[in-house]
């Protein structure tokens, strides 16, 4: 298992490469291997290739149980994952520290081309 510091460093480097335009993210449909057999909803799925490795970021929504109010409620987290050529998840990181949430935000903006959209709108 990789150390937390190595994962943190990877996330920072991936964020930097995304901001600098060295990694291009795209919206895609999540591979079935991610949510088959679960009740999860994959709200947004992004994928990029970095050094010949497929990297995915996605928002996973799921029903969680709150024992304090004895009720199920929707919860979500951002997942970072590596996939192989057959769309299998070979490793995933389900923690959602601020750095992963920031990476997700930057990657989503990159995939959407939001700068281009705003430039076109503002003329």
PDB file of N, CA and C in Angstrom:
ATOM      1  N   UNK A   1       0.847  -1.176   0.000  1.00  0.00           N
ATOM      2  CA  UNK A   1       0.000   0.000   0.000  1.00  0.00           C
ATOM      3  C   UNK A   1       0.891   1.238   0.000  1.00  0.00           C
ATOM      4  N   UNK A   2       0.616   2.174  -0.876  1.00  0.00           N
ATOM      5  CA  UNK A   2       1.428   3.396  -0.911  1.00  0.00           C
ATOM      6  C   UNK A   2       1.205   4.236   0.344  1.00  0.00           C
ATOM      7  N   UNK A   3       2.223   4.950   0.721  1.00  0.00           N
ATOM      8  CA  UNK A   3       2.114   5.804   1.902  1.00  0.00           C
ATOM      9  C   UNK A   3       1.222   7.006   1.602  1.00  0.00           C
ATOM     10  N   UNK A   4       0.670   7.576   2.660  1.00  0.00           N
ATOM     11  CA  UNK A   4      -0.176   8.759   2.507  1.00  0.00           C
ATOM     12  C   UNK A   4       0.610   9.911   1.887  1.00  0.00           C
ATOM     13  N   UNK A   5       1.876  10.028   2.246  1.00  0.00           N
ATOM     14  CA  UNK A   5       2.676  11.126   1.685  1.00  0.00           C
ATOM     15  C   UNK A   5       2.905  10.940   0.192  1.00  0.00           C
ATOM     16  N   UNK A   6       3.075   9.707  -0.253  1.00  0.00           N
ATOM     17  CA  UNK A   6       3.263   9.446  -1.681  1.00  0.00           C
ATOM     18  C   UNK A   6       1.977   9.742  -2.454  1.00  0.00           C
ATOM     19  N   UNK A   7       0.846   9.350  -1.879  1.00  0.00           N
ATOM     20  CA  UNK A   7      -0.450   9.633  -2.511  1.00  0.00           C
ATOM     21  C   UNK A   7      -0.673  11.145  -2.570  1.00  0.00           C
ATOM     22  N   UNK A   8      -0.408  11.838  -1.473  1.00  0.00           N
ATOM     23  CA  UNK A   8      -0.574  13.292  -1.432  1.00  0.00           C
ATOM     24  C   UNK A   8       0.297  13.974  -2.483  1.00  0.00           C
ATOM     25  N   UNK A   9       1.537  13.524  -2.586  1.00  0.00           N
ATOM     26  CA  UNK A   9       2.453  14.095  -3.571  1.00  0.00           C
ATOM     27  C   UNK A   9       1.938  13.858  -4.994  1.00  0.00           C
ATOM     28  N   UNK A  10       1.436  12.641  -5.255  1.00  0.00           N
ATOM     29  CA  UNK A  10       0.885  12.323  -6.567  1.00  0.00           C
ATOM     30  C   UNK A  10      -0.293  13.237  -6.893  1.00  0.00           C
ATOM     31  N   UNK A  11      -1.185  13.438  -5.932  1.00  0.00           N
ATOM     32  CA  UNK A  11      -2.367  14.280  -6.149  1.00  0.00           C
ATOM     33  C   UNK A  11      -1.952  15.714  -6.459  1.00  0.00           C
ATOM     34  N   UNK A  12      -0.978  16.228  -5.720  1.00  0.00           N
ATOM     35  CA  UNK A  12      -0.485  17.593  -5.968  1.00  0.00           C
ATOM     36  C   UNK A  12       0.117  17.693  -7.366  1.00  0.00           C
ATOM     37  N   UNK A  13       0.919  16.701  -7.759  1.00  0.00           N
ATOM     38  CA  UNK A  13       1.545  16.730  -9.080  1.00  0.00           C
ATOM     39  C   UNK A  13       0.499  16.609 -10.192  1.00  0.00           C
ATOM     40  N   UNK A  14      -0.500  15.783  -9.977  1.00  0.00           N
ATOM     41  CA  UNK A  14      -1.573  15.626 -10.966  1.00  0.00           C
ATOM     42  C   UNK A  14      -2.377  16.918 -11.095  1.00  0.00           C
ATOM     43  N   UNK A  15      -2.636  17.573  -9.985  1.00  0.00           N
ATOM     44  CA  UNK A  15      -3.346  18.853 -10.011  1.00  0.00           C
ATOM     45  C   UNK A  15      -2.533  19.892 -10.758  1.00  0.00           C
ATOM     46  N   UNK A  16      -1.246  19.969 -10.464  1.00  0.00           N
ATOM     47  CA  UNK A  16      -0.368  20.931 -11.129  1.00  0.00           C
ATOM     48  C   UNK A  16      -0.329  20.681 -12.641  1.00  0.00           C
ATOM     49  N   UNK A  17      -0.181  19.421 -13.035  1.00  0.00           N
ATOM     50  CA  UNK A  17      -0.140  19.086 -14.460  1.00  0.00           C
ATOM     51  C   UNK A  17      -1.459  19.427 -15.149  1.00  0.00           C
ATOM     52  N   UNK A  18      -2.559  19.285 -14.439  1.00  0.00           N
ATOM     53  CA  UNK A  18      -3.868  19.630 -15.000  1.00  0.00           C
ATOM     54  C   UNK A  18      -3.992  21.138 -15.188  1.00  0.00           C
ATOM     55  N   UNK A  19      -3.621  21.890 -14.168  1.00  0.00           N
ATOM     56  CA  UNK A  19      -3.690  23.356 -14.243  1.00  0.00           C
ATOM     57  C   UNK A  19      -2.797  23.875 -15.367  1.00  0.00           C
ATOM     58  N   UNK A  20      -1.625  23.282 -15.531  1.00  0.00           N
ATOM     59  CA  UNK A  20      -0.683  23.714 -16.570  1.00  0.00           C
ATOM     60  C   UNK A  20      -1.070  23.219 -17.961  1.00  0.00           C
ATOM     61  N   UNK A  21      -2.110  22.381 -18.048  1.00  0.00           N
ATOM     62  CA  UNK A  21      -2.577  21.889 -19.338  1.00  0.00           C
ATOM     63  C   UNK A  21      -1.799  20.704 -19.872  1.00  0.00           C
ATOM     64  N   UNK A  22      -1.008  20.078 -19.030  1.00  0.00           N
ATOM     65  CA  UNK A  22      -0.211  18.932 -19.461  1.00  0.00           C
ATOM     66  C   UNK A  22      -0.978  17.621 -19.395  1.00  0.00           C
ATOM     67  N   UNK A  23      -2.097  17.622 -18.705  1.00  0.00           N
ATOM     68  CA  UNK A  23      -2.977  16.458 -18.647  1.00  0.00           C
ATOM     69  C   UNK A  23      -4.359  16.911 -19.084  1.00  0.00           C
ATOM     70  N   UNK A  24      -4.925  16.179 -20.017  1.00  0.00           N
ATOM     71  CA  UNK A  24      -6.253  16.494 -20.538  1.00  0.00           C
ATOM     72  C   UNK A  24      -7.262  15.483 -20.005  1.00  0.00           C
ATOM     73  N   UNK A  25      -8.233  15.982 -19.285  1.00  0.00           N
ATOM     74  CA  UNK A  25      -9.307  15.150 -18.756  1.00  0.00           C
ATOM     75  C   UNK A  25     -10.471  15.159 -19.718  1.00  0.00           C
ATOM     76  N   UNK A  26     -11.253  14.073 -19.711  1.00  0.00           N
ATOM     77  CA  UNK A  26     -12.459  14.008 -20.538  1.00  0.00           C
ATOM     78  C   UNK A  26     -13.575  13.370 -19.731  1.00  0.00           C
ATOM     79  N   UNK A  27     -14.789  13.802 -20.034  1.00  0.00           N
ATOM     80  CA  UNK A  27     -15.960  13.178 -19.441  1.00  0.00           C
ATOM     81  C   UNK A  27     -16.179  11.847 -20.158  1.00  0.00           C
ATOM     82  N   UNK A  28     -16.609  10.860 -19.422  1.00  0.00           N
ATOM     83  CA  UNK A  28     -16.900   9.557 -20.013  1.00  0.00           C
ATOM     84  C   UNK A  28     -17.931   8.850 -19.137  1.00  0.00           C
ATOM     85  N   UNK A  29     -18.417   7.727 -19.637  1.00  0.00           N
ATOM     86  CA  UNK A  29     -19.282   6.877 -18.827  1.00  0.00           C
ATOM     87  C   UNK A  29     -18.383   5.998 -17.968  1.00  0.00           C
ATOM     88  N   UNK A  30     -18.759   5.827 -16.742  1.00  0.00           N
ATOM     89  CA  UNK A  30     -17.968   4.991 -15.847  1.00  0.00           C
ATOM     90  C   UNK A  30     -18.011   3.542 -16.323  1.00  0.00           C
ATOM     91  N   UNK A  31     -16.881   2.856 -16.286  1.00  0.00           N
ATOM     92  CA  UNK A  31     -16.885   1.431 -16.632  1.00  0.00           C
ATOM     93  C   UNK A  31     -17.810   0.664 -15.682  1.00  0.00           C
ATOM     94  N   UNK A  32     -18.415  -0.373 -16.187  1.00  0.00           N
ATOM     95  CA  UNK A  32     -19.345  -1.138 -15.356  1.00  0.00           C
ATOM     96  C   UNK A  32     -18.659  -1.756 -14.144  1.00  0.00           C
ATOM     97  N   UNK A  33     -17.366  -1.984 -14.235  1.00  0.00           N
ATOM     98  CA  UNK A  33     -16.652  -2.594 -13.108  1.00  0.00           C
ATOM     99  C   UNK A  33     -16.688  -1.711 -11.862  1.00  0.00           C
ATOM    100  N   UNK A  34     -16.950  -0.423 -12.021  1.00  0.00           N
ATOM    101  CA  UNK A  34     -16.945   0.492 -10.880  1.00  0.00           C
ATOM    102  C   UNK A  34     -18.191   0.352 -10.022  1.00  0.00           C
ATOM    103  N   UNK A  35     -19.334   0.156 -10.644  1.00  0.00           N
ATOM    104  CA  UNK A  35     -20.536   0.133  -9.816  1.00  0.00           C
ATOM    105  C   UNK A  35     -21.427  -1.091 -10.001  1.00  0.00           C
ATOM    106  N   UNK A  36     -20.945  -2.097 -10.712  1.00  0.00           N
ATOM    107  CA  UNK A  36     -21.763  -3.299 -10.857  1.00  0.00           C
ATOM    108  C   UNK A  36     -21.921  -3.960  -9.490  1.00  0.00           C
ATOM    109  N   UNK A  37     -23.138  -4.331  -9.172  1.00  0.00           N
ATOM    110  CA  UNK A  37     -23.421  -4.988  -7.899  1.00  0.00           C
ATOM    111  C   UNK A  37     -23.540  -4.045  -6.717  1.00  0.00           C
ATOM    112  N   UNK A  38     -23.599  -2.747  -6.987  1.00  0.00           N
ATOM    113  CA  UNK A  38     -23.751  -1.774  -5.907  1.00  0.00           C
ATOM    114  C   UNK A  38     -24.989  -0.940  -6.168  1.00  0.00           C
ATOM    115  N   UNK A  39     -25.369  -0.178  -5.202  1.00  0.00           N
ATOM    116  CA  UNK A  39     -26.449   0.784  -5.385  1.00  0.00           C
ATOM    117  C   UNK A  39     -25.905   2.175  -5.640  1.00  0.00           C
ATOM    118  N   UNK A  40     -24.596   2.255  -5.895  1.00  0.00           N
ATOM    119  CA  UNK A  40     -23.950   3.551  -6.093  1.00  0.00           C
ATOM    120  C   UNK A  40     -24.410   4.223  -7.381  1.00  0.00           C
ATOM    121  N   UNK A  41     -24.378   5.540  -7.349  1.00  0.00           N
ATOM    122  CA  UNK A  41     -24.619   6.349  -8.537  1.00  0.00           C
ATOM    123  C   UNK A  41     -23.325   7.099  -8.818  1.00  0.00           C
ATOM    124  N   UNK A  42     -22.831   6.989 -10.033  1.00  0.00           N
ATOM    125  CA  UNK A  42     -21.642   7.735 -10.424  1.00  0.00           C
ATOM    126  C   UNK A  42     -22.130   8.997 -11.114  1.00  0.00           C
ATOM    127  N   UNK A  43     -22.079  10.097 -10.382  1.00  0.00           N
ATOM    128  CA  UNK A  43     -22.654  11.355 -10.864  1.00  0.00           C
ATOM    129  C   UNK A  43     -21.805  11.973 -11.969  1.00  0.00           C
ATOM    130  N   UNK A  44     -20.515  12.009 -11.785  1.00  0.00           N
ATOM    131  CA  UNK A  44     -19.600  12.576 -12.777  1.00  0.00           C
ATOM    132  C   UNK A  44     -18.366  11.691 -12.823  1.00  0.00           C
ATOM    133  N   UNK A  45     -17.976  11.296 -14.033  1.00  0.00           N
ATOM    134  CA  UNK A  45     -16.805  10.441 -14.216  1.00  0.00           C
ATOM    135  C   UNK A  45     -15.864  11.135 -15.187  1.00  0.00           C
ATOM    136  N   UNK A  46     -14.613  11.271 -14.774  1.00  0.00           N
ATOM    137  CA  UNK A  46     -13.577  11.901 -15.589  1.00  0.00           C
ATOM    138  C   UNK A  46     -12.418  10.934 -15.737  1.00  0.00           C
ATOM    139  N   UNK A  47     -11.773  10.983 -16.907  1.00  0.00           N
ATOM    140  CA  UNK A  47     -10.648  10.092 -17.136  1.00  0.00           C
ATOM    141  C   UNK A  47      -9.553  10.817 -17.897  1.00  0.00           C
ATOM    142  N   UNK A  48      -8.317  10.444 -17.605  1.00  0.00           N
ATOM    143  CA  UNK A  48      -7.154  10.983 -18.296  1.00  0.00           C
ATOM    144  C   UNK A  48      -6.110   9.874 -18.387  1.00  0.00           C
ATOM    145  N   UNK A  49      -5.132  10.107 -19.238  1.00  0.00           N
ATOM    146  CA  UNK A  49      -4.006   9.183 -19.298  1.00  0.00           C
ATOM    147  C   UNK A  49      -2.760   9.958 -18.919  1.00  0.00           C
ATOM    148  N   UNK A  50      -2.007   9.378 -18.002  1.00  0.00           N
ATOM    149  CA  UNK A  50      -0.781  10.017 -17.526  1.00  0.00           C
ATOM    150  C   UNK A  50       0.327   8.972 -17.518  1.00  0.00           C
ATOM    151  N   UNK A  51       1.354   9.202 -18.331  1.00  0.00           N
ATOM    152  CA  UNK A  51       2.487   8.265 -18.421  1.00  0.00           C
ATOM    153  C   UNK A  51       2.009   6.841 -18.677  1.00  0.00           C
ATOM    154  N   UNK A  52       1.133   6.712 -19.671  1.00  0.00           N
ATOM    155  CA  UNK A  52       0.578   5.430 -20.119  1.00  0.00           C
ATOM    156  C   UNK A  52      -0.290   4.727 -19.086  1.00  0.00           C
ATOM    157  N   UNK A  53      -0.735   5.464 -18.077  1.00  0.00           N
ATOM    158  CA  UNK A  53      -1.621   4.897 -17.060  1.00  0.00           C
ATOM    159  C   UNK A  53      -2.953   5.642 -17.082  1.00  0.00           C
ATOM    160  N   UNK A  54      -4.049   4.903 -17.153  1.00  0.00           N
ATOM    161  CA  UNK A  54      -5.373   5.512 -17.095  1.00  0.00           C
ATOM    162  C   UNK A  54      -5.691   5.888 -15.662  1.00  0.00           C
ATOM    163  N   UNK A  55      -6.094   7.143 -15.480  1.00  0.00           N
ATOM    164  CA  UNK A  55      -6.441   7.679 -14.173  1.00  0.00           C
ATOM    165  C   UNK A  55      -7.888   8.150 -14.255  1.00  0.00           C
ATOM    166  N   UNK A  56      -8.662   7.839 -13.235  1.00  0.00           N
ATOM    167  CA  UNK A  56     -10.063   8.261 -13.209  1.00  0.00           C
ATOM    168  C   UNK A  56     -10.346   9.003 -11.909  1.00  0.00           C
ATOM    169  N   UNK A  57     -11.246   9.946 -12.019  1.00  0.00           N
ATOM    170  CA  UNK A  57     -11.804  10.656 -10.870  1.00  0.00           C
ATOM    171  C   UNK A  57     -13.314  10.592 -11.030  1.00  0.00           C
ATOM    172  N   UNK A  58     -13.998  10.258  -9.969  1.00  0.00           N
ATOM    173  CA  UNK A  58     -15.453  10.256 -10.091  1.00  0.00           C
ATOM    174  C   UNK A  58     -16.114  10.559  -8.757  1.00  0.00           C
ATOM    175  N   UNK A  59     -17.325  11.112  -8.880  1.00  0.00           N
ATOM    176  CA  UNK A  59     -18.138  11.372  -7.701  1.00  0.00           C
ATOM    177  C   UNK A  59     -19.048  10.175  -7.488  1.00  0.00           C
ATOM    178  N   UNK A  60     -18.870   9.515  -6.368  1.00  0.00           N
ATOM    179  CA  UNK A  60     -19.654   8.337  -6.005  1.00  0.00           C
ATOM    180  C   UNK A  60     -20.718   8.756  -5.001  1.00  0.00           C
ATOM    181  N   UNK A  61     -21.981   8.556  -5.359  1.00  0.00           N
ATOM    182  CA  UNK A  61     -23.090   8.840  -4.443  1.00  0.00           C
ATOM    183  C   UNK A  61     -23.674   7.506  -3.989  1.00  0.00           C
ATOM    184  N   UNK A  62     -23.945   7.415  -2.713  1.00  0.00           N
ATOM    185  CA  UNK A  62     -24.417   6.158  -2.155  1.00  0.00           C
ATOM    186  C   UNK A  62     -25.318   6.438  -0.955  1.00  0.00           C
ATOM    187  N   UNK A  63     -26.142   5.461  -0.639  1.00  0.00           N
ATOM    188  CA  UNK A  63     -27.018   5.587   0.535  1.00  0.00           C
ATOM    189  C   UNK A  63     -26.233   5.162   1.766  1.00  0.00           C
ATOM    190  N   UNK A  64     -26.135   6.088   2.692  1.00  0.00           N
ATOM    191  CA  UNK A  64     -25.481   5.806   3.957  1.00  0.00           C
ATOM    192  C   UNK A  64     -26.521   5.782   5.060  1.00  0.00           C
ATOM    193  N   UNK A  65     -26.162   5.188   6.157  1.00  0.00           N
ATOM    194  CA  UNK A  65     -27.094   5.093   7.272  1.00  0.00           C
ATOM    195  C   UNK A  65     -26.636   6.006   8.396  1.00  0.00           C
ATOM    196  N   UNK A  66     -27.546   6.842   8.878  1.00  0.00           N
ATOM    197  CA  UNK A  66     -27.276   7.730   9.991  1.00  0.00           C
ATOM    198  C   UNK A  66     -27.987   7.163  11.219  1.00  0.00           C
ATOM    199  N   UNK A  67     -27.201   6.596  12.139  1.00  0.00           N
ATOM    200  CA  UNK A  67     -27.798   5.953  13.315  1.00  0.00           C
ATOM    201  C   UNK A  67     -28.419   6.957  14.281  1.00  0.00           C
ATOM    202  N   UNK A  68     -27.946   8.197  14.265  1.00  0.00           N
ATOM    203  CA  UNK A  68     -28.496   9.205  15.174  1.00  0.00           C
ATOM    204  C   UNK A  68     -29.961   9.510  14.880  1.00  0.00           C
ATOM    205  N   UNK A  69     -30.316   9.482  13.604  1.00  0.00           N
ATOM    206  CA  UNK A  69     -31.709   9.754  13.241  1.00  0.00           C
ATOM    207  C   UNK A  69     -32.400   8.513  12.678  1.00  0.00           C
ATOM    208  N   UNK A  70     -31.686   7.369  12.727  1.00  0.00           N
ATOM    209  CA  UNK A  70     -32.228   6.094  12.253  1.00  0.00           C
ATOM    210  C   UNK A  70     -32.823   6.220  10.857  1.00  0.00           C
ATOM    211  N   UNK A  71     -31.986   6.712   9.949  1.00  0.00           N
ATOM    212  CA  UNK A  71     -32.474   6.966   8.600  1.00  0.00           C
ATOM    213  C   UNK A  71     -31.336   6.832   7.591  1.00  0.00           C
ATOM    214  N   UNK A  72     -31.689   6.453   6.389  1.00  0.00           N
ATOM    215  CA  UNK A  72     -30.732   6.418   5.282  1.00  0.00           C
ATOM    216  C   UNK A  72     -30.728   7.784   4.615  1.00  0.00           C
ATOM    217  N   UNK A  73     -29.574   8.187   4.183  1.00  0.00           N
ATOM    218  CA  UNK A  73     -29.474   9.460   3.459  1.00  0.00           C
ATOM    219  C   UNK A  73     -28.366   9.351   2.428  1.00  0.00           C
ATOM    220  N   UNK A  74     -28.504  10.127   1.363  1.00  0.00           N
ATOM    221  CA  UNK A  74     -27.495  10.115   0.313  1.00  0.00           C
ATOM    222  C   UNK A  74     -26.231  10.815   0.788  1.00  0.00           C
ATOM    223  N   UNK A  75     -25.116  10.184   0.522  1.00  0.00           N
ATOM    224  CA  UNK A  75     -23.805  10.737   0.815  1.00  0.00           C
ATOM    225  C   UNK A  75     -22.976  10.652  -0.460  1.00  0.00           C
ATOM    226  N   UNK A  76     -21.843  11.341  -0.472  1.00  0.00           N
ATOM    227  CA  UNK A  76     -20.984  11.259  -1.655  1.00  0.00           C
ATOM    228  C   UNK A  76     -19.531  11.413  -1.262  1.00  0.00           C
ATOM    229  N   UNK A  77     -18.678  10.921  -2.132  1.00  0.00           N
ATOM    230  CA  UNK A  77     -17.256  11.156  -1.992  1.00  0.00           C
ATOM    231  C   UNK A  77     -16.620  11.127  -3.377  1.00  0.00           C
ATOM    232  N   UNK A  78     -15.430  11.671  -3.457  1.00  0.00           N
ATOM    233  CA  UNK A  78     -14.674  11.677  -4.701  1.00  0.00           C
ATOM    234  C   UNK A  78     -13.671  10.533  -4.627  1.00  0.00           C
ATOM    235  N   UNK A  79     -13.592   9.756  -5.701  1.00  0.00           N
ATOM    236  CA  UNK A  79     -12.701   8.600  -5.751  1.00  0.00           C
ATOM    237  C   UNK A  79     -11.658   8.831  -6.842  1.00  0.00           C
ATOM    238  N   UNK A  80     -10.422   8.526  -6.513  1.00  0.00           N
ATOM    239  CA  UNK A  80      -9.310   8.529  -7.463  1.00  0.00           C
ATOM    240  C   UNK A  80      -8.989   7.074  -7.746  1.00  0.00           C
ATOM    241  N   UNK A  81      -8.883   6.689  -9.015  1.00  0.00           N
ATOM    242  CA  UNK A  81      -8.658   5.279  -9.345  1.00  0.00           C
ATOM    243  C   UNK A  81      -7.718   5.138 -10.539  1.00  0.00           C
ATOM    244  N   UNK A  82      -7.023   4.016 -10.562  1.00  0.00           N
ATOM    245  CA  UNK A  82      -6.230   3.612 -11.722  1.00  0.00           C
ATOM    246  C   UNK A  82      -6.948   2.439 -12.371  1.00  0.00           C
ATOM    247  N   UNK A  83      -7.019   2.467 -13.710  1.00  0.00           N
ATOM    248  CA  UNK A  83      -7.687   1.400 -14.449  1.00  0.00           C
ATOM    249  C   UNK A  83      -6.714   0.742 -15.412  1.00  0.00           C
ATOM    250  N   UNK A  84      -6.985  -0.522 -15.725  1.00  0.00           N
ATOM    251  CA  UNK A  84      -6.182  -1.197 -16.741  1.00  0.00           C
ATOM    252  C   UNK A  84      -6.891  -1.104 -18.092  1.00  0.00           C
ATOM    253  N   UNK A  85      -6.336  -1.735 -19.098  1.00  0.00           N
ATOM    254  CA  UNK A  85      -6.889  -1.633 -20.456  1.00  0.00           C
ATOM    255  C   UNK A  85      -8.245  -2.321 -20.594  1.00  0.00           C
ATOM    256  N   UNK A  86      -8.586  -3.197 -19.661  1.00  0.00           N
ATOM    257  CA  UNK A  86      -9.868  -3.896 -19.700  1.00  0.00           C
ATOM    258  C   UNK A  86     -10.922  -3.228 -18.810  1.00  0.00           C
ATOM    259  N   UNK A  87     -10.684  -1.970 -18.431  1.00  0.00           N
ATOM    260  CA  UNK A  87     -11.610  -1.182 -17.615  1.00  0.00           C
ATOM    261  C   UNK A  87     -11.754  -1.697 -16.181  1.00  0.00           C
ATOM    262  N   UNK A  88     -10.799  -2.478 -15.715  1.00  0.00           N
ATOM    263  CA  UNK A  88     -10.839  -2.926 -14.330  1.00  0.00           C
ATOM    264  C   UNK A  88     -10.124  -1.914 -13.455  1.00  0.00           C
ATOM    265  N   UNK A  89     -10.681  -1.677 -12.278  1.00  0.00           N
ATOM    266  CA  UNK A  89     -10.033  -0.806 -11.307  1.00  0.00           C
ATOM    267  C   UNK A  89      -8.905  -1.612 -10.673  1.00  0.00           C
ATOM    268  N   UNK A  90      -7.678  -1.136 -10.860  1.00  0.00           N
ATOM    269  CA  UNK A  90      -6.549  -1.857 -10.268  1.00  0.00           C
ATOM    270  C   UNK A  90      -6.143  -1.256  -8.925  1.00  0.00           C
ATOM    271  N   UNK A  91      -6.600  -0.044  -8.650  1.00  0.00           N
ATOM    272  CA  UNK A  91      -6.363   0.589  -7.353  1.00  0.00           C
ATOM    273  C   UNK A  91      -7.294   1.783  -7.236  1.00  0.00           C
ATOM    274  N   UNK A  92      -7.832   1.992  -6.054  1.00  0.00           N
ATOM    275  CA  UNK A  92      -8.663   3.180  -5.856  1.00  0.00           C
ATOM    276  C   UNK A  92      -8.419   3.775  -4.484  1.00  0.00           C
ATOM    277  N   UNK A  93      -8.718   5.037  -4.390  1.00  0.00           N
ATOM    278  CA  UNK A  93      -8.499   5.827  -3.184  1.00  0.00           C
ATOM    279  C   UNK A  93      -9.807   6.514  -2.862  1.00  0.00           C
ATOM    280  N   UNK A  94     -10.479   6.027  -1.829  1.00  0.00           N
ATOM    281  CA  UNK A  94     -11.819   6.508  -1.492  1.00  0.00           C
ATOM    282  C   UNK A  94     -11.824   7.651  -0.489  1.00  0.00           C
ATOM    283  N   UNK A  95     -10.673   8.027  -0.006  1.00  0.00           N
ATOM    284  CA  UNK A  95     -10.607   9.179   0.892  1.00  0.00           C
ATOM    285  C   UNK A  95     -10.941  10.427   0.075  1.00  0.00           C
ATOM    286  N   UNK A  96     -11.515  11.401   0.704  1.00  0.00           N
ATOM    287  CA  UNK A  96     -11.826  12.642  -0.004  1.00  0.00           C
ATOM    288  C   UNK A  96     -11.219  13.843   0.706  1.00  0.00           C
ATOM    289  N   UNK A  97      -9.892  13.853   0.854  1.00  0.00           N
ATOM    290  CA  UNK A  97      -9.297  15.052   1.450  1.00  0.00           C
ATOM    291  C   UNK A  97      -9.477  16.236   0.507  1.00  0.00           C
ATOM    292  N   UNK A  98      -9.236  17.403   1.020  1.00  0.00           N
ATOM    293  CA  UNK A  98      -9.394  18.624   0.234  1.00  0.00           C
ATOM    294  C   UNK A  98      -8.602  18.563  -1.065  1.00  0.00           C
ATOM    295  N   UNK A  99      -7.423  17.950  -1.038  1.00  0.00           N
ATOM    296  CA  UNK A  99      -6.594  17.887  -2.250  1.00  0.00           C
ATOM    297  C   UNK A  99      -7.271  17.096  -3.368  1.00  0.00           C
ATOM    298  N   UNK A 100      -7.977  16.016  -3.032  1.00  0.00           N
ATOM    299  CA  UNK A 100      -8.686  15.230  -4.052  1.00  0.00           C
ATOM    300  C   UNK A 100      -9.883  16.017  -4.569  1.00  0.00           C
ATOM    301  N   UNK A 101     -10.580  16.697  -3.678  1.00  0.00           N
ATOM    302  CA  UNK A 101     -11.719  17.522  -4.103  1.00  0.00           C
ATOM    303  C   UNK A 101     -11.259  18.654  -5.021  1.00  0.00           C
ATOM    304  N   UNK A 102     -10.122  19.261  -4.704  1.00  0.00           N
ATOM    305  CA  UNK A 102      -9.572  20.310  -5.572  1.00  0.00           C
ATOM    306  C   UNK A 102      -9.174  19.741  -6.929  1.00  0.00           C
ATOM    307  N   UNK A 103      -8.535  18.574  -6.934  1.00  0.00           N
ATOM    308  CA  UNK A 103      -8.168  17.937  -8.197  1.00  0.00           C
ATOM    309  C   UNK A 103      -9.416  17.659  -9.027  1.00  0.00           C
ATOM    310  N   UNK A 104     -10.463  17.152  -8.396  1.00  0.00           N
ATOM    311  CA  UNK A 104     -11.708  16.871  -9.105  1.00  0.00           C
ATOM    312  C   UNK A 104     -12.284  18.141  -9.731  1.00  0.00           C
ATOM    313  N   UNK A 105     -12.267  19.226  -8.966  1.00  0.00           N
ATOM    314  CA  UNK A 105     -12.786  20.507  -9.468  1.00  0.00           C
ATOM    315  C   UNK A 105     -11.978  20.988 -10.672  1.00  0.00           C
ATOM    316  N   UNK A 106     -10.673  20.940 -10.569  1.00  0.00           N
ATOM    317  CA  UNK A 106      -9.798  21.394 -11.654  1.00  0.00           C
ATOM    318  C   UNK A 106      -9.961  20.490 -12.882  1.00  0.00           C
ATOM    319  N   UNK A 107     -10.033  19.181 -12.656  1.00  0.00           N
ATOM    320  CA  UNK A 107     -10.194  18.240 -13.765  1.00  0.00           C
ATOM    321  C   UNK A 107     -11.537  18.434 -14.465  1.00  0.00           C
ATOM    322  N   UNK A 108     -12.597  18.651 -13.694  1.00  0.00           N
ATOM    323  CA  UNK A 108     -13.923  18.875 -14.282  1.00  0.00           C
ATOM    324  C   UNK A 108     -13.949  20.152 -15.114  1.00  0.00           C
ATOM    325  N   UNK A 109     -13.326  21.208 -14.598  1.00  0.00           N
ATOM    326  CA  UNK A 109     -13.249  22.457 -15.362  1.00  0.00           C
ATOM    327  C   UNK A 109     -12.436  22.266 -16.636  1.00  0.00           C
ATOM    328  N   UNK A 110     -11.368  21.500 -16.552  1.00  0.00           N
ATOM    329  CA  UNK A 110     -10.541  21.213 -17.726  1.00  0.00           C
ATOM    330  C   UNK A 110     -11.340  20.447 -18.776  1.00  0.00           C
ATOM    331  N   UNK A 111     -12.039  19.403 -18.340  1.00  0.00           N
ATOM    332  CA  UNK A 111     -12.820  18.584 -19.279  1.00  0.00           C
ATOM    333  C   UNK A 111     -13.950  19.377 -19.910  1.00  0.00           C
ATOM    334  N   UNK A 112     -14.543  20.271 -19.141  1.00  0.00           N
ATOM    335  CA  UNK A 112     -15.659  21.071 -19.649  1.00  0.00           C
ATOM    336  C   UNK A 112     -15.194  22.170 -20.591  1.00  0.00           C
ATOM    337  N   UNK A 113     -13.912  22.525 -20.522  1.00  0.00           N
ATOM    338  CA  UNK A 113     -13.424  23.635 -21.333  1.00  0.00           C
ATOM    339  C   UNK A 113     -14.032  24.950 -20.872  1.00  0.00           C
ATOM    340  N   UNK A 114     -14.170  25.102 -19.569  1.00  0.00           N
ATOM    341  CA  UNK A 114     -14.881  26.262 -19.031  1.00  0.00           C
ATOM    342  C   UNK A 114     -14.213  27.578 -19.413  1.00  0.00           C
ATOM    343  N   UNK A 115     -12.885  27.610 -19.489  1.00  0.00           N
ATOM    344  CA  UNK A 115     -12.209  28.850 -19.897  1.00  0.00           C
ATOM    345  C   UNK A 115     -12.617  29.240 -21.315  1.00  0.00           C
ATOM    346  N   UNK A 116     -12.674  28.257 -22.215  1.00  0.00           N
ATOM    347  CA  UNK A 116     -13.077  28.512 -23.599  1.00  0.00           C
ATOM    348  C   UNK A 116     -14.529  28.986 -23.661  1.00  0.00           C
ATOM    349  N   UNK A 117     -15.380  28.347 -22.868  1.00  0.00           N
ATOM    350  CA  UNK A 117     -16.802  28.731 -22.841  1.00  0.00           C
ATOM    351  C   UNK A 117     -16.958  30.172 -22.365  1.00  0.00           C
ATOM    352  N   UNK A 118     -16.267  30.518 -21.287  1.00  0.00           N
ATOM    353  CA  UNK A 118     -16.359  31.890 -20.756  1.00  0.00           C
ATOM    354  C   UNK A 118     -15.783  32.895 -21.743  1.00  0.00           C
ATOM    355  N   UNK A 119     -14.645  32.556 -22.363  1.00  0.00           N
ATOM    356  CA  UNK A 119     -14.057  33.459 -23.363  1.00  0.00           C
ATOM    357  C   UNK A 119     -15.011  33.689 -24.510  1.00  0.00           C
ATOM    358  N   UNK A 120     -15.660  32.628 -24.988  1.00  0.00           N
ATOM    359  CA  UNK A 120     -16.624  32.759 -26.087  1.00  0.00           C
ATOM    360  C   UNK A 120     -17.827  33.593 -25.663  1.00  0.00           C
ATOM    361  N   UNK A 121     -18.288  33.377 -24.457  1.00  0.00           N
ATOM    362  CA  UNK A 121     -19.438  34.116 -23.971  1.00  0.00           C
ATOM    363  C   UNK A 121     -19.125  35.590 -23.773  1.00  0.00           C
ATOM    364  N   UNK A 122     -17.964  35.862 -23.227  1.00  0.00           N
ATOM    365  CA  UNK A 122     -17.586  37.243 -22.937  1.00  0.00           C
ATOM    366  C   UNK A 122     -17.069  37.989 -24.159  1.00  0.00           C
ATOM    367  N   UNK A 123     -16.787  37.237 -25.202  1.00  0.00           N
ATOM    368  CA  UNK A 123     -16.485  37.798 -26.493  1.00  0.00           C
ATOM    369  C   UNK A 123     -15.172  38.406 -26.708  1.00  0.00           C
TER     370      UNK A 123
END
